[in-house]
Protein backbone atom coordinates (compact mmCIF):
# COMPACT_ATOMS: atom_id res chain seq x y z
CA MET A 1 54.49 359.84 -16.50
CA TRP A 2 52.89 359.06 -19.88
CA SER A 3 51.22 362.48 -19.99
CA ARG A 4 54.56 364.17 -19.25
CA LEU A 5 56.28 362.15 -21.98
CA GLN A 6 53.64 363.20 -24.49
CA LYS A 7 54.15 366.87 -23.57
CA LEU A 8 57.90 366.54 -24.00
CA ARG A 9 57.39 365.00 -27.43
CA ARG A 10 55.03 367.79 -28.44
CA ASN A 11 57.76 370.28 -27.54
CA GLY A 12 60.29 368.41 -29.69
CA VAL A 13 62.46 367.36 -26.75
CA LEU A 14 65.26 364.89 -27.50
CA THR A 15 65.48 362.11 -24.90
CA ILE A 16 68.68 360.27 -24.04
CA ASN A 17 67.54 356.98 -25.60
CA ASN A 18 66.52 358.74 -28.81
CA ARG A 19 69.81 360.63 -28.86
CA ASN A 20 71.86 357.48 -28.42
CA ALA A 21 69.96 355.26 -30.88
CA ASN A 22 68.98 357.67 -33.64
CA TYR A 23 71.70 360.29 -33.61
CA ILE A 24 74.92 359.20 -31.90
CA LEU A 25 74.90 355.63 -33.24
CA ARG A 26 73.54 356.63 -36.64
CA TYR A 27 75.66 359.68 -37.39
CA ASN A 28 78.89 359.10 -35.42
CA ASP A 29 81.27 356.45 -36.70
CA ARG A 30 82.90 354.88 -33.63
CA LYS A 31 86.20 354.62 -35.50
CA LYS A 32 86.36 358.41 -35.39
CA TYR A 33 85.75 358.72 -31.63
CA PRO A 34 89.50 358.89 -30.83
CA LEU A 35 89.62 362.16 -32.78
CA VAL A 36 87.47 363.81 -30.11
CA ASP A 37 88.09 361.62 -27.05
CA ASP A 38 91.85 362.31 -27.16
CA LYS A 39 92.46 366.05 -26.72
CA LEU A 40 95.97 365.81 -28.17
CA LYS A 41 94.63 364.28 -31.39
CA THR A 42 91.83 366.85 -31.45
CA LYS A 43 94.32 369.71 -31.12
CA GLN A 44 96.57 368.32 -33.86
CA LEU A 45 93.57 367.83 -36.15
CA ALA A 46 92.33 371.36 -35.48
CA ILE A 47 95.71 372.87 -36.35
CA GLU A 48 95.69 370.93 -39.65
CA HIS A 49 92.25 372.41 -40.46
CA ASP A 50 93.12 375.97 -39.42
CA VAL A 51 90.80 375.88 -36.40
CA SER A 52 92.10 378.10 -33.58
CA VAL A 53 92.88 376.31 -30.30
CA PRO A 54 94.69 377.15 -27.03
CA GLY A 55 98.44 376.81 -27.50
CA LEU A 56 100.09 373.53 -26.49
CA LEU A 57 103.17 374.26 -24.38
CA THR A 58 104.25 370.62 -24.08
CA HIS A 59 102.94 367.10 -23.56
CA LEU A 60 104.38 364.29 -21.42
CA ASP A 61 103.86 360.54 -21.62
CA SER A 62 106.39 359.01 -19.22
CA GLU A 63 106.77 358.62 -15.45
CA SER A 64 110.27 360.08 -15.60
CA ALA A 65 108.84 363.26 -17.11
CA ALA A 66 106.23 363.43 -14.33
CA LYS A 67 108.97 363.16 -11.70
CA ASP A 68 110.77 366.09 -13.32
CA ILE A 69 107.54 368.05 -13.76
CA THR A 70 108.81 371.09 -11.84
CA LYS A 71 111.69 371.47 -14.33
CA VAL A 72 109.27 371.05 -17.23
CA LEU A 73 106.88 373.69 -15.85
CA ASP A 74 109.53 376.14 -14.69
CA PRO A 75 109.64 378.21 -17.94
CA PHE A 76 105.89 378.86 -17.87
CA PRO A 77 104.51 381.62 -15.60
CA ASP A 78 100.97 380.25 -15.91
CA PHE A 79 99.48 377.20 -17.60
CA VAL A 80 96.83 374.47 -17.59
CA VAL A 81 97.61 370.82 -16.85
CA LYS A 82 95.04 368.35 -18.16
CA PRO A 83 94.67 364.69 -19.14
CA ALA A 84 94.47 364.12 -22.90
CA GLN A 85 91.60 361.65 -22.50
CA GLY A 86 89.86 363.21 -19.51
CA ALA A 87 86.12 363.81 -19.36
CA GLY A 88 83.80 366.13 -17.44
CA GLY A 89 86.58 368.52 -16.43
CA ASP A 90 88.21 365.97 -14.11
CA GLY A 91 91.96 366.15 -13.67
CA ILE A 92 92.33 369.73 -14.92
CA LEU A 93 94.55 372.13 -12.96
CA VAL A 94 94.54 375.81 -13.90
CA ILE A 95 97.65 377.53 -12.55
CA GLN A 96 97.78 381.33 -12.63
CA ALA A 97 101.20 381.78 -10.97
CA SER A 98 104.03 379.96 -9.21
CA HIS A 99 105.92 381.12 -6.13
CA ASN A 100 108.62 379.46 -4.03
CA GLY A 101 107.97 376.00 -5.44
CA ARG A 102 104.20 376.29 -5.11
CA TYR A 103 101.68 376.58 -7.91
CA ILE A 104 98.75 378.94 -7.34
CA LYS A 105 95.37 377.93 -8.76
CA THR A 106 92.82 380.51 -9.89
CA SER A 107 90.97 379.90 -6.62
CA GLY A 108 94.07 381.05 -4.72
CA GLN A 109 94.77 377.56 -3.38
CA ALA A 110 98.43 376.47 -3.53
CA VAL A 111 99.66 373.17 -4.98
CA THR A 112 103.06 371.94 -3.81
CA ALA A 113 105.63 370.45 -6.15
CA LYS A 114 105.00 367.02 -4.62
CA GLU A 115 101.25 367.38 -5.13
CA MET A 116 101.81 368.43 -8.75
CA GLU A 117 104.07 365.42 -9.32
CA HIS A 118 101.46 363.11 -7.75
CA HIS A 119 98.67 364.64 -9.85
CA CYS A 120 100.65 364.18 -13.07
CA SER A 121 101.43 360.59 -12.13
CA ASN A 122 97.69 359.99 -11.66
CA ILE A 123 97.01 361.42 -15.12
CA LEU A 124 99.53 359.07 -16.70
CA ALA A 125 98.04 356.11 -14.82
CA GLY A 126 94.63 356.88 -16.35
CA LEU A 127 92.85 357.98 -13.19
CA PHE A 128 90.91 360.65 -15.10
CA SER A 129 90.73 359.04 -18.55
CA LEU A 130 87.77 357.48 -20.30
CA GLY A 131 87.88 353.77 -19.49
CA GLY A 132 90.86 354.15 -17.14
CA HIS A 133 93.41 353.77 -19.94
CA ARG A 134 96.96 355.05 -19.65
CA ASP A 135 96.99 358.72 -20.56
CA VAL A 136 99.13 361.67 -21.65
CA ILE A 137 99.70 364.95 -19.78
CA LEU A 138 98.92 368.11 -21.72
CA VAL A 139 100.32 371.47 -20.64
CA GLU A 140 98.44 374.29 -22.39
CA GLU A 141 98.38 378.06 -22.39
CA ARG A 142 96.01 379.50 -19.80
CA ILE A 143 92.95 381.20 -21.24
CA ARG A 144 92.22 384.73 -20.05
CA PRO A 145 88.47 385.07 -20.51
CA SER A 146 86.87 388.08 -22.15
CA HIS A 147 85.90 390.80 -19.68
CA VAL A 148 82.34 390.61 -20.95
CA PHE A 149 81.87 387.71 -18.52
CA ASP A 150 83.11 389.53 -15.41
CA GLN A 151 79.62 390.17 -14.02
CA ILE A 152 78.13 386.72 -14.63
CA ALA A 153 80.88 384.22 -13.87
CA TYR A 154 82.68 383.12 -10.72
CA GLN A 155 86.41 382.68 -11.37
CA GLY A 156 87.31 380.09 -14.01
CA VAL A 157 86.70 380.31 -17.75
CA PRO A 158 83.20 380.35 -19.26
CA ASP A 159 82.71 378.49 -22.51
CA VAL A 160 80.13 378.20 -25.27
CA ARG A 161 78.73 374.76 -26.10
CA VAL A 162 77.30 374.44 -29.62
CA ILE A 163 75.43 371.35 -30.81
CA VAL A 164 76.35 370.78 -34.46
CA PHE A 165 74.25 368.36 -36.53
CA CYS A 166 75.65 367.43 -39.95
CA GLY A 167 77.45 370.76 -39.95
CA PHE A 168 74.46 372.88 -38.88
CA PRO A 169 74.79 374.73 -35.53
CA VAL A 170 71.34 373.88 -34.15
CA MET A 171 71.53 374.95 -30.47
CA ALA A 172 73.97 376.70 -28.14
CA MET A 173 74.47 377.69 -24.53
CA LEU A 174 76.96 379.64 -22.44
CA ARG A 175 78.38 377.63 -19.52
CA LEU A 176 79.29 379.77 -16.54
CA PRO A 177 81.47 378.69 -13.58
CA THR A 178 80.11 379.08 -10.05
CA ARG A 179 81.56 378.83 -6.56
CA GLN A 180 80.05 375.34 -6.31
CA SER A 181 81.68 374.20 -9.56
CA GLN A 182 85.02 375.52 -8.25
CA GLY A 183 85.56 377.69 -11.30
CA LYS A 184 84.85 374.91 -13.82
CA ALA A 185 82.24 375.22 -16.56
CA ASN A 186 80.85 371.68 -16.26
CA LEU A 187 77.13 371.61 -15.50
CA HIS A 188 77.23 368.37 -13.49
CA GLN A 189 79.73 370.04 -11.13
CA GLY A 190 77.46 373.02 -10.48
CA ALA A 191 78.10 375.41 -13.36
CA ILE A 192 75.22 377.33 -14.97
CA GLY A 193 74.11 376.85 -18.56
CA ALA A 194 72.55 379.95 -20.13
CA GLY A 195 70.68 379.42 -23.38
CA LEU A 196 71.84 381.36 -26.45
CA ASP A 197 69.69 382.59 -29.31
CA ILE A 198 71.35 380.82 -32.25
CA SER A 199 70.51 383.78 -34.49
CA THR A 200 71.85 386.69 -32.44
CA GLY A 201 74.06 385.10 -29.78
CA HIS A 202 72.19 386.83 -26.95
CA THR A 203 71.84 384.95 -23.67
CA LEU A 204 68.45 383.66 -22.54
CA GLN A 205 67.52 382.18 -19.16
CA GLY A 206 69.86 379.78 -17.33
CA VAL A 207 69.69 376.27 -15.93
CA TRP A 208 71.34 375.27 -12.65
CA PHE A 209 71.09 371.62 -11.59
CA ASN A 210 68.11 371.15 -13.97
CA GLU A 211 66.25 374.16 -12.52
CA ILE A 212 65.59 377.43 -14.36
CA THR A 213 67.45 380.44 -12.95
CA LEU A 214 67.40 384.05 -14.12
CA SER A 215 70.49 385.23 -12.22
CA HIS A 216 73.94 383.95 -11.26
CA PRO A 217 73.91 382.50 -7.70
CA ASP A 218 77.26 384.06 -6.77
CA THR A 219 77.19 387.45 -8.49
CA GLY A 220 73.42 387.98 -8.37
CA ASN A 221 73.53 389.52 -11.84
CA GLN A 222 70.92 388.84 -14.51
CA LEU A 223 71.83 386.17 -17.04
CA SER A 224 69.64 387.15 -20.00
CA GLY A 225 70.29 389.76 -22.68
CA LEU A 226 74.09 389.53 -22.81
CA PRO A 227 75.42 389.57 -26.41
CA MET A 228 78.19 387.08 -27.10
CA PRO A 229 81.26 388.71 -28.64
CA PHE A 230 82.54 387.14 -31.89
CA TRP A 231 79.22 385.32 -32.43
CA ASP A 232 79.73 385.05 -36.20
CA ASP A 233 83.19 383.55 -35.62
CA ILE A 234 81.84 381.12 -33.00
CA LEU A 235 79.23 379.79 -35.42
CA ASP A 236 81.78 379.52 -38.24
CA LEU A 237 84.28 377.68 -36.06
CA SER A 238 81.58 375.29 -34.82
CA ALA A 239 80.20 374.51 -38.27
CA ARG A 240 83.66 373.76 -39.69
CA CYS A 241 84.25 371.10 -37.02
CA TYR A 242 81.90 368.86 -39.01
CA GLU A 243 84.29 368.71 -41.97
CA MET A 244 87.19 368.38 -39.55
CA THR A 245 85.85 365.26 -37.79
CA ASP A 246 83.16 363.87 -40.12
CA LEU A 247 81.02 363.30 -37.00
CA GLY A 248 77.37 364.13 -37.59
CA TYR A 249 76.25 364.74 -34.00
CA LEU A 250 78.81 366.81 -32.15
CA GLY A 251 79.23 369.13 -29.18
CA VAL A 252 81.77 371.91 -29.81
CA ASP A 253 83.16 373.75 -26.76
CA ILE A 254 84.59 377.20 -27.43
CA VAL A 255 86.31 379.66 -25.09
CA ILE A 256 86.70 383.38 -25.78
CA ASP A 257 90.19 384.57 -24.94
CA ASP A 258 90.54 388.28 -24.17
CA THR A 259 93.24 388.74 -26.83
CA ARG A 260 92.91 385.81 -29.27
CA GLY A 261 89.12 385.66 -29.48
CA PRO A 262 87.25 382.33 -29.96
CA LEU A 263 89.30 379.15 -29.48
CA MET A 264 88.03 375.60 -29.84
CA LEU A 265 88.65 373.97 -26.47
CA GLU A 266 87.42 370.44 -27.11
CA LEU A 267 84.85 368.30 -28.93
CA ASN A 268 82.31 365.83 -27.58
CA ALA A 269 80.72 362.98 -29.53
CA ARG A 270 78.14 362.43 -26.77
CA PRO A 271 77.04 365.93 -25.71
CA GLY A 272 74.49 366.18 -22.89
CA LEU A 273 70.86 367.26 -23.17
CA ASN A 274 70.55 369.99 -20.51
CA ILE A 275 71.09 372.51 -23.29
CA GLN A 276 67.37 372.04 -24.06
CA ILE A 277 66.37 373.27 -20.61
CA ALA A 278 68.70 376.25 -20.88
CA ASN A 279 67.09 377.20 -24.20
CA GLN A 280 63.55 376.16 -23.22
CA ALA A 281 63.39 374.52 -26.63
CA GLY A 282 63.66 370.95 -27.88
CA LEU A 283 66.53 369.62 -29.97
CA LEU A 284 64.52 366.92 -31.70
CA SER A 285 62.42 369.28 -33.80
CA ARG A 286 65.57 371.04 -35.03
CA LEU A 287 67.34 367.78 -35.84
CA LYS A 288 64.31 366.52 -37.77
CA ASP A 289 64.18 369.82 -39.67
CA ILE A 290 67.74 369.23 -40.91
CA GLU A 291 67.00 365.58 -41.70
CA ASP A 292 63.83 366.41 -43.67
CA ASN A 293 65.39 369.23 -45.67
CA PHE A 294 68.92 367.95 -46.23
CA ILE A 295 69.59 364.37 -45.09
CA TYR A 296 66.52 362.61 -46.51
CA ALA A 297 65.85 365.04 -49.36
CA LYS A 298 65.89 363.61 -52.89
CA ASN A 299 68.86 365.63 -54.01
CA ARG A 300 70.79 365.21 -50.78
CA LYS A 301 73.57 367.75 -50.44
CA ILE A 302 75.11 369.31 -47.33
CA PRO A 303 75.70 373.04 -48.03
CA GLU A 304 78.90 374.91 -47.35
CA PRO A 305 79.46 376.16 -43.75
CA ALA A 306 78.32 379.74 -44.45
CA ASP A 307 75.03 378.52 -45.97
CA ARG A 308 74.47 376.10 -43.10
CA ILE A 309 74.93 378.91 -40.61
CA ASP A 310 72.51 381.18 -42.48
CA TYR A 311 69.91 378.43 -42.57
CA ALA A 312 70.23 377.72 -38.83
CA ARG A 313 70.09 381.41 -37.88
CA ASN A 314 66.94 381.96 -39.93
CA ARG A 315 65.22 378.67 -39.08
CA PHE A 316 65.98 378.49 -35.36
CA ALA A 317 66.01 382.19 -34.48
CA ALA A 318 64.46 383.47 -31.23
CA PRO A 319 63.06 380.12 -30.07
CA GLN A 320 59.66 380.25 -28.46
CA VAL A 321 60.09 380.24 -24.70
CA ALA A 322 58.14 377.22 -23.53
CA ASN A 323 58.12 375.32 -20.26
CA LEU A 324 59.43 371.89 -21.24
CA GLU A 325 58.01 370.27 -18.13
CA THR A 326 54.44 371.47 -18.52
CA GLY A 327 54.30 372.13 -22.23
CA ALA A 328 52.96 375.65 -21.56
CA ALA A 329 54.12 378.47 -23.84
């Protein structure tokens, strides 16, 4: 165990205790957590800062509205219902069509009006919210993912997770839905995370339940070598979320809509660490690089977003592919 820990440290791997104590607690003011934990507040903040987000069709905060949910949803041919304070993808319903009082999910499964009413009531009661607090129902536009993902995703909407440290995009991965994740892009539910070269936006190898994979389990297609469309825009959008939230350690989730391009889906003040396995590179060495050159420097000054992006692309380009478990290059 000690030998393995030493090898992880040599590879610059960030552990959960180190993340919590030295990065989340140090760089994220808890007073600002509601800005990212509440998706309605996040969306409103993004609009104020000219950050593109999926359109909000409506939001509901009362039981009476939930009981009349079919009337509320009737004008929309397709939509997404989600809890404002949900986490891990729980409580999200993606509806691609409605027919004879039934709502059709992207999986083809039908949801009855009664089931929709019950689901919305559960959202309001806080069943899916952080801490079980009373919540708000968000009804958003449905994202139509870029066709570039057709060969390496199973249903659902892939997204890009970017770790942003003091405004620098230091690591990224593409999260791909699978049959097991039921079309959701959450890794703990069975989605795949494919590392992304921060410099070029090309996909690297993938991680599936903490194991390296080179192909998608459902499509069988290779994961590596796919260029992300709008990569410059994705990095710009991610970097600007630092000024938007003033949170130093942040996970930015971005979807690529087939017509609108990159849209900020949500933010996370406690992003997970599997991104290191997907990239076969450690976060800690990159975070310390930023600290040494910008945070703890004598003339401390955080550059403008464009300069931060250039620095990250040059400094963290084409990471060395190393086995994080064995330490072998």
